[in-house]
Amino acid sequence: MLLDQMQEAICVIDDRHTVQYWNKAMVKLSGVVQAEALQQPLFQLLPGNFKQTLEKRIAEAIEANQKQEGEITFKYQNHDYFAFHFQITPFPFANGTPLWMLSFVDITDQYRLQFEKERQEHFATLSMLSVSVAQELATPLDEICRHVERILQDLNGLIVQSHLHNSLNSIISQVYRISYLAHNLVALTQQSKPLFVSLNINDLMLDAIEQYEQEAGSRLIANLHFHEDPPDVVGDPMLMQSVLQILLKIAVEFAGEDSVPRIRTLHDSENGRIRVLFENRGPIVPSDELEHLFEWYYGSTAISPGASLGLFICKKIIEAQKGHFKIISEEGKGTLFEVDLPALN
């Protein structure tokens, strides 16, 4: 039969979705040989994702008696994505039984190229943003340093009140905070192309904690609950390390002295996801501020001045690596910073 020689996968079904014909390309697509496919329900032979998309479209095609087409994407082993273009068309019949032909064309390479293009565009946007923000930070950072140095010189040898010392220490703390953020931004701009490798989220989190303790000069006070042996994630090690360091610093400082934050890593095996949770039972973010937290120029957040810039950068990096980032803050429950990434199996 001519349809057997075609490269596209083709099958013919009746209005009850029973298979009447199954070409060789369908065997490659489904792994089911022709003899076993005939007279079987279509959706028992195809991946589950196909039914979710096709069942409704087949019903629409039968009801309207006209062609339907679209795309199906699905993942294999939680990380390999495949894509097919499908068509559903009326099939000529001679014995009065309505039949429908389904054809599938593999567009996986095209889909992956488009995904890679979009991912590179994410990083190009992030790089441009990093350059712009780093330049904007340079001038006020230098100005703050000059003011602090001038004040310290003027107070040299004088006996001053403790509140003045506290104010100076606060200024110095903010200088270091901005310097830390600027350092991460500069590091990001130096990467012309992201490097994607397998990463262990527990190791990344421990490295971020070690870096935090070195900068703070003291041990981190937090409850740590790490998944015993989580699957790796795929990402750029430097970008992911920057994200975790920024979020760790923001979450710990926001928790305050009266609340011990909890840091967890979780493996959602059912959905193939790895999550990092920064939780506290302390202060909350007012609801009218939550919608603005990821605006990098928003400076009046309850978390800390300038935190939105760091959160904006984290969100962009996570999304560029096919992840999600959200903040939930509720009275009586505290605030949750959640990083959600696809697991590599």
Protein backbone atom coordinates (compact mmCIF):
# COMPACT_ATOMS: atom_id res chain seq x y z
CA MET A 1 0.00 0.00 0.00
CA LEU A 2 1.24 3.48 -0.88
CA LEU A 3 0.76 4.77 2.67
CA ASP A 4 3.28 2.19 3.90
CA GLN A 5 6.04 3.88 1.90
CA MET A 6 5.43 7.35 3.38
CA GLN A 7 7.80 8.77 6.01
CA GLU A 8 5.04 10.30 8.07
CA ALA A 9 3.25 8.08 10.59
CA ILE A 10 -0.28 7.33 9.40
CA CYS A 11 -3.18 5.40 10.85
CA VAL A 12 -6.85 5.14 9.96
CA ILE A 13 -9.58 4.89 12.62
CA ASP A 14 -13.34 4.65 12.70
CA ASP A 15 -15.63 6.93 14.69
CA ARG A 16 -15.11 4.75 17.78
CA HIS A 17 -11.35 5.37 17.58
CA THR A 18 -10.67 1.74 16.58
CA VAL A 19 -7.61 1.27 14.37
CA GLN A 20 -8.33 0.08 10.79
CA TYR A 21 -4.91 0.76 9.31
CA TRP A 22 -1.40 1.24 10.76
CA ASN A 23 1.60 2.03 8.52
CA LYS A 24 5.27 1.20 9.11
CA ALA A 25 6.09 4.70 10.35
CA MET A 26 3.41 4.29 13.04
CA VAL A 27 5.25 1.15 14.17
CA LYS A 28 8.40 3.23 14.71
CA LEU A 29 6.44 5.95 16.50
CA SER A 30 4.51 3.68 18.86
CA GLY A 31 6.58 0.51 19.07
CA VAL A 32 3.44 -1.50 18.24
CA VAL A 33 3.55 -3.77 15.18
CA GLN A 34 0.81 -3.57 12.56
CA ALA A 35 -0.80 -6.91 13.38
CA GLU A 36 -1.18 -6.00 17.06
CA ALA A 37 -2.52 -2.51 16.32
CA LEU A 38 -5.43 -3.46 14.05
CA GLN A 39 -8.88 -3.38 15.66
CA GLN A 40 -7.40 -1.96 18.89
CA PRO A 41 -8.45 1.32 20.59
CA LEU A 42 -6.15 4.05 19.31
CA PHE A 43 -5.26 5.60 22.66
CA GLN A 44 -4.17 2.27 24.12
CA LEU A 45 -1.38 2.26 21.54
CA LEU A 46 -0.09 5.85 21.83
CA PRO A 47 1.66 7.77 24.63
CA GLY A 48 -0.71 9.25 27.20
CA ASN A 49 0.03 12.81 26.10
CA PHE A 50 -1.46 12.05 22.68
CA LYS A 51 -4.90 11.31 24.13
CA GLN A 52 -4.92 14.55 26.09
CA THR A 53 -4.50 16.55 22.89
CA LEU A 54 -6.07 14.34 20.22
CA GLU A 55 -9.30 13.09 21.79
CA LYS A 56 -10.99 16.49 21.69
CA ARG A 57 -9.61 17.33 18.24
CA ILE A 58 -10.83 14.04 16.76
CA ALA A 59 -14.32 14.67 18.18
CA GLU A 60 -14.31 18.16 16.63
CA ALA A 61 -13.18 16.78 13.27
CA ILE A 62 -15.92 14.12 13.27
CA GLU A 63 -18.63 16.58 14.30
CA ALA A 64 -17.66 19.20 11.71
CA ASN A 65 -16.60 16.62 9.10
CA GLN A 66 -13.50 18.65 8.29
CA LYS A 67 -9.75 18.55 8.77
CA GLN A 68 -8.15 19.40 12.11
CA GLU A 69 -4.44 19.93 12.75
CA GLY A 70 -2.06 21.04 15.47
CA GLU A 71 1.02 20.05 17.46
CA ILE A 72 1.72 17.57 20.26
CA THR A 73 4.70 17.88 22.58
CA PHE A 74 5.65 15.41 25.27
CA LYS A 75 8.68 14.48 27.32
CA TYR A 76 10.41 11.17 27.73
CA GLN A 77 12.11 10.24 31.01
CA ASN A 78 11.36 13.75 32.31
CA HIS A 79 13.95 15.60 30.26
CA ASP A 80 13.86 14.60 26.55
CA TYR A 81 11.19 16.52 24.65
CA PHE A 82 9.54 15.36 21.42
CA ALA A 83 7.14 17.21 19.13
CA PHE A 84 4.82 16.13 16.30
CA HIS A 85 2.59 17.97 13.88
CA PHE A 86 -0.68 16.08 13.37
CA GLN A 87 -3.56 16.16 10.89
CA ILE A 88 -6.98 14.55 11.15
CA THR A 89 -8.76 14.26 7.80
CA PRO A 90 -11.80 12.38 6.45
CA PHE A 91 -10.66 9.17 4.71
CA PRO A 92 -12.39 7.94 1.54
CA PHE A 93 -14.51 4.86 2.27
CA ALA A 94 -16.55 2.54 0.12
CA ASN A 95 -18.68 0.48 2.48
CA GLY A 96 -20.52 3.31 4.21
CA THR A 97 -18.35 3.30 7.36
CA PRO A 98 -16.90 6.75 8.16
CA LEU A 99 -13.14 6.59 8.57
CA TRP A 100 -10.57 9.14 9.61
CA MET A 101 -6.88 9.34 8.75
CA LEU A 102 -4.40 10.61 11.33
CA SER A 103 -0.91 11.59 10.22
CA PHE A 104 2.05 12.56 12.41
CA VAL A 105 5.18 14.39 11.25
CA ASP A 106 8.15 14.50 13.59
CA ILE A 107 9.14 18.16 14.15
CA THR A 108 11.29 17.49 17.22
CA ASP A 109 14.46 18.98 15.70
CA GLN A 110 12.58 22.11 14.68
CA TYR A 111 11.02 22.32 18.14
CA ARG A 112 14.37 21.91 19.89
CA LEU A 113 16.02 24.52 17.67
CA GLN A 114 13.22 26.95 18.50
CA PHE A 115 13.53 26.16 22.20
CA GLU A 116 17.30 26.67 22.06
CA LYS A 117 16.78 29.99 20.25
CA GLU A 118 14.32 31.17 22.90
CA ARG A 119 16.68 30.08 25.67
CA GLN A 120 19.57 31.99 24.10
CA GLU A 121 17.31 35.04 23.76
CA HIS A 122 16.54 34.76 27.51
CA PHE A 123 20.23 34.87 28.30
CA ALA A 124 20.89 37.67 25.81
CA THR A 125 18.21 39.74 27.55
CA LEU A 126 19.66 38.83 30.93
CA SER A 127 23.15 39.83 29.78
CA MET A 128 21.93 43.22 28.51
CA LEU A 129 20.08 43.78 31.77
CA SER A 130 23.13 42.82 33.80
CA VAL A 131 25.35 45.27 31.92
CA SER A 132 22.82 48.08 32.35
CA VAL A 133 22.25 47.42 36.06
CA ALA A 134 25.97 47.00 36.78
CA GLN A 135 26.64 50.37 35.17
CA GLU A 136 23.83 51.99 37.15
CA LEU A 137 25.19 50.52 40.40
CA ALA A 138 28.76 51.66 39.83
CA THR A 139 28.20 55.39 40.37
CA PRO A 140 26.11 55.27 43.59
CA LEU A 141 28.40 52.58 45.00
CA ASP A 142 31.47 54.77 44.49
CA GLU A 143 29.62 57.75 45.95
CA ILE A 144 28.62 55.83 49.10
CA CYS A 145 32.19 54.68 49.60
CA ARG A 146 33.48 58.24 49.33
CA HIS A 147 30.92 59.50 51.86
CA VAL A 148 31.77 56.76 54.35
CA GLU A 149 35.49 57.40 54.01
CA ARG A 150 34.95 61.15 54.50
CA ILE A 151 32.81 60.61 57.62
CA LEU A 152 35.32 58.21 59.10
CA GLN A 153 38.10 60.71 58.52
CA ASP A 154 36.11 63.51 60.17
CA LEU A 155 35.34 61.33 63.20
CA ASN A 156 38.87 60.05 63.58
CA GLY A 157 39.91 60.51 67.21
CA LEU A 158 36.52 61.86 68.32
CA ILE A 159 34.25 60.32 70.94
CA VAL A 160 30.86 59.79 69.30
CA GLN A 161 27.57 58.30 70.43
CA SER A 162 26.78 54.65 69.78
CA HIS A 163 23.85 55.40 67.44
CA LEU A 164 26.27 57.14 65.10
CA HIS A 165 28.50 54.10 65.07
CA ASN A 166 25.44 51.97 64.30
CA SER A 167 24.48 54.24 61.42
CA LEU A 168 27.97 54.00 59.97
CA ASN A 169 27.95 50.25 60.33
CA SER A 170 24.60 50.14 58.55
CA ILE A 171 25.99 52.19 55.68
CA ILE A 172 29.01 49.90 55.44
CA SER A 173 26.70 46.86 55.45
CA GLN A 174 24.69 48.27 52.55
CA VAL A 175 27.90 49.05 50.66
CA TYR A 176 28.96 45.43 50.97
CA ARG A 177 25.49 44.29 49.94
CA ILE A 178 25.57 46.36 46.78
CA SER A 179 29.13 45.24 46.10
CA TYR A 180 28.03 41.62 46.40
CA LEU A 181 25.19 42.13 43.95
CA ALA A 182 27.38 44.09 41.55
CA HIS A 183 29.94 41.28 41.68
CA ASN A 184 27.31 38.75 40.62
CA LEU A 185 26.10 41.00 37.82
CA VAL A 186 29.58 41.51 36.47
CA ALA A 187 30.19 37.76 36.60
CA LEU A 188 27.00 37.17 34.63
CA THR A 189 27.97 39.66 31.92
CA GLN A 190 31.31 37.92 31.44
CA GLN A 191 29.58 34.78 30.21
CA SER A 192 29.01 35.10 26.48
CA LYS A 193 27.30 31.70 26.42
CA PRO A 194 25.78 29.70 29.30
CA LEU A 195 27.26 26.31 30.14
CA PHE A 196 24.69 23.62 30.85
CA VAL A 197 25.82 20.66 32.92
CA SER A 198 24.36 18.25 35.47
CA LEU A 199 24.19 19.84 38.92
CA ASN A 200 23.43 18.44 42.36
CA ILE A 201 21.12 20.88 44.12
CA ASN A 202 22.30 19.84 47.60
CA ASP A 203 25.93 20.54 46.70
CA LEU A 204 24.98 23.91 45.24
CA MET A 205 23.06 24.81 48.38
CA LEU A 206 25.92 23.80 50.66
CA ASP A 207 28.35 25.89 48.58
CA ALA A 208 25.98 28.88 48.86
CA ILE A 209 25.80 28.45 52.65
CA GLU A 210 29.60 28.24 52.90
CA GLN A 211 29.95 31.42 50.84
CA TYR A 212 27.37 33.16 53.03
CA GLU A 213 29.19 32.17 56.24
CA GLN A 214 32.53 33.35 54.87
CA GLU A 215 31.11 36.78 54.03
CA ALA A 216 29.14 37.07 57.28
CA GLY A 217 32.04 35.87 59.43
CA SER A 218 29.72 33.59 61.41
CA ARG A 219 27.77 30.35 61.05
CA LEU A 220 24.36 30.37 59.45
CA ILE A 221 21.50 29.85 61.90
CA ALA A 222 18.89 27.89 59.96
CA ASN A 223 17.07 24.56 59.90
CA LEU A 224 18.38 22.52 56.96
CA HIS A 225 16.34 19.66 55.49
CA PHE A 226 17.86 18.24 52.31
CA HIS A 227 16.45 15.41 50.23
CA GLU A 228 18.75 12.44 50.77
CA ASP A 229 19.63 11.71 47.13
CA PRO A 230 17.85 14.00 44.65
CA PRO A 231 18.32 13.63 40.88
CA ASP A 232 20.52 16.25 39.25
CA VAL A 233 19.21 19.32 37.50
CA VAL A 234 20.60 20.80 34.28
CA GLY A 235 21.87 24.35 34.45
CA ASP A 236 24.75 26.76 34.36
CA PRO A 237 26.72 26.26 37.62
CA MET A 238 27.72 29.90 38.05
CA LEU A 239 24.24 31.23 37.32
CA MET A 240 22.60 28.75 39.70
CA GLN A 241 25.15 29.51 42.39
CA SER A 242 24.38 33.23 42.01
CA VAL A 243 20.66 32.55 42.36
CA LEU A 244 21.04 30.49 45.54
CA GLN A 245 23.46 32.96 47.13
CA ILE A 246 21.15 35.90 46.44
CA LEU A 247 18.05 34.08 47.73
CA LEU A 248 19.86 32.76 50.79
CA LYS A 249 20.99 36.25 51.74
CA ILE A 250 17.57 37.80 51.14
CA ALA A 251 15.67 35.02 52.96
CA VAL A 252 17.94 35.01 56.02
CA GLU A 253 17.96 38.78 56.41
CA PHE A 254 14.19 39.00 55.93
CA ALA A 255 13.58 36.34 58.59
CA GLY A 256 15.19 38.63 61.17
CA GLU A 257 16.66 37.77 64.54
CA ASP A 258 13.41 36.43 65.99
CA SER A 259 12.76 33.81 63.32
CA VAL A 260 15.00 30.92 62.25
CA PRO A 261 14.55 30.25 58.53
CA ARG A 262 14.15 26.73 57.18
CA ILE A 263 15.89 25.68 53.96
CA ARG A 264 14.72 22.53 52.20
CA THR A 265 15.42 20.63 49.00
CA LEU A 266 12.66 18.35 47.73
CA HIS A 267 12.29 15.82 44.91
CA ASP A 268 8.81 15.72 43.39
CA SER A 269 9.24 12.36 41.63
CA GLU A 270 5.68 12.32 40.28
CA ASN A 271 6.21 15.52 38.29
CA GLY A 272 9.95 15.18 37.79
CA ARG A 273 10.82 18.40 39.62
CA ILE A 274 13.44 19.52 42.14
CA ARG A 275 12.44 22.29 44.54
CA VAL A 276 14.45 24.52 46.85
CA LEU A 277 12.39 26.20 49.59
CA PHE A 278 13.44 29.13 51.77
CA GLU A 279 10.83 29.45 54.54
CA ASN A 280 10.35 31.54 57.64
CA ARG A 281 7.63 32.01 60.25
CA GLY A 282 8.53 35.63 60.73
CA PRO A 283 7.41 38.76 58.87
CA ILE A 284 5.23 38.69 55.77
CA VAL A 285 5.23 40.73 52.59
CA PRO A 286 2.10 42.91 52.30
CA SER A 287 -0.21 41.66 49.56
CA ASP A 288 -0.01 44.95 47.65
CA GLU A 289 3.78 44.49 47.40
CA LEU A 290 3.84 40.89 46.17
CA GLU A 291 2.90 41.84 42.61
CA HIS A 292 5.80 44.34 42.47
CA LEU A 293 8.55 42.19 43.99
CA PHE A 294 10.03 41.22 40.63
CA GLU A 295 10.24 44.76 39.30
CA TRP A 296 13.95 45.48 39.51
CA TYR A 297 13.45 49.20 40.09
CA TYR A 298 10.97 48.69 42.95
CA GLY A 299 12.78 49.79 46.10
CA SER A 300 10.23 50.12 48.92
CA THR A 301 9.63 46.44 49.59
CA ALA A 302 9.29 45.18 53.16
CA ILE A 303 12.00 42.59 52.48
CA SER A 304 14.88 45.06 52.19
CA PRO A 305 15.77 48.07 50.05
CA GLY A 306 16.83 46.95 46.61
CA ALA A 307 15.80 43.31 47.12
CA SER A 308 13.55 43.40 44.06
CA LEU A 309 16.60 43.76 41.84
CA GLY A 310 18.07 40.52 43.18
CA LEU A 311 14.69 38.76 42.96
CA PHE A 312 14.20 39.96 39.39
CA ILE A 313 17.60 38.59 38.37
CA CYS A 314 16.92 35.26 40.12
CA LYS A 315 13.56 34.89 38.38
CA LYS A 316 15.06 35.55 34.95
CA ILE A 317 17.89 33.06 35.47
CA ILE A 318 15.54 30.35 36.76
CA GLU A 319 13.06 30.82 33.90
CA ALA A 320 15.89 30.71 31.35
CA GLN A 321 16.69 27.23 32.70
CA LYS A 322 13.07 26.02 32.33
CA GLY A 323 12.31 26.55 36.00
CA HIS A 324 9.82 28.57 38.03
CA PHE A 325 10.28 30.99 40.93
CA LYS A 326 7.54 32.27 43.20
CA ILE A 327 7.05 33.96 46.56
CA ILE A 328 4.12 33.17 48.86
CA SER A 329 3.50 35.25 51.97
CA GLU A 330 0.56 34.64 54.32
CA GLU A 331 -0.32 35.89 57.77
CA GLY A 332 0.36 33.19 60.36
CA LYS A 333 2.43 31.13 57.92
CA GLY A 334 5.28 33.48 57.06
CA THR A 335 7.02 33.85 53.71
CA LEU A 336 8.14 31.17 51.25
CA PHE A 337 10.68 31.63 48.44
CA GLU A 338 10.38 28.62 46.09
CA VAL A 339 12.69 27.58 43.24
CA ASP A 340 11.27 24.83 41.01
CA LEU A 341 13.53 23.13 38.42
CA PRO A 342 13.12 20.11 36.11
CA ALA A 343 14.89 17.00 37.39
CA LEU A 344 17.31 15.05 35.24
CA ASN A 345 16.74 11.29 35.34
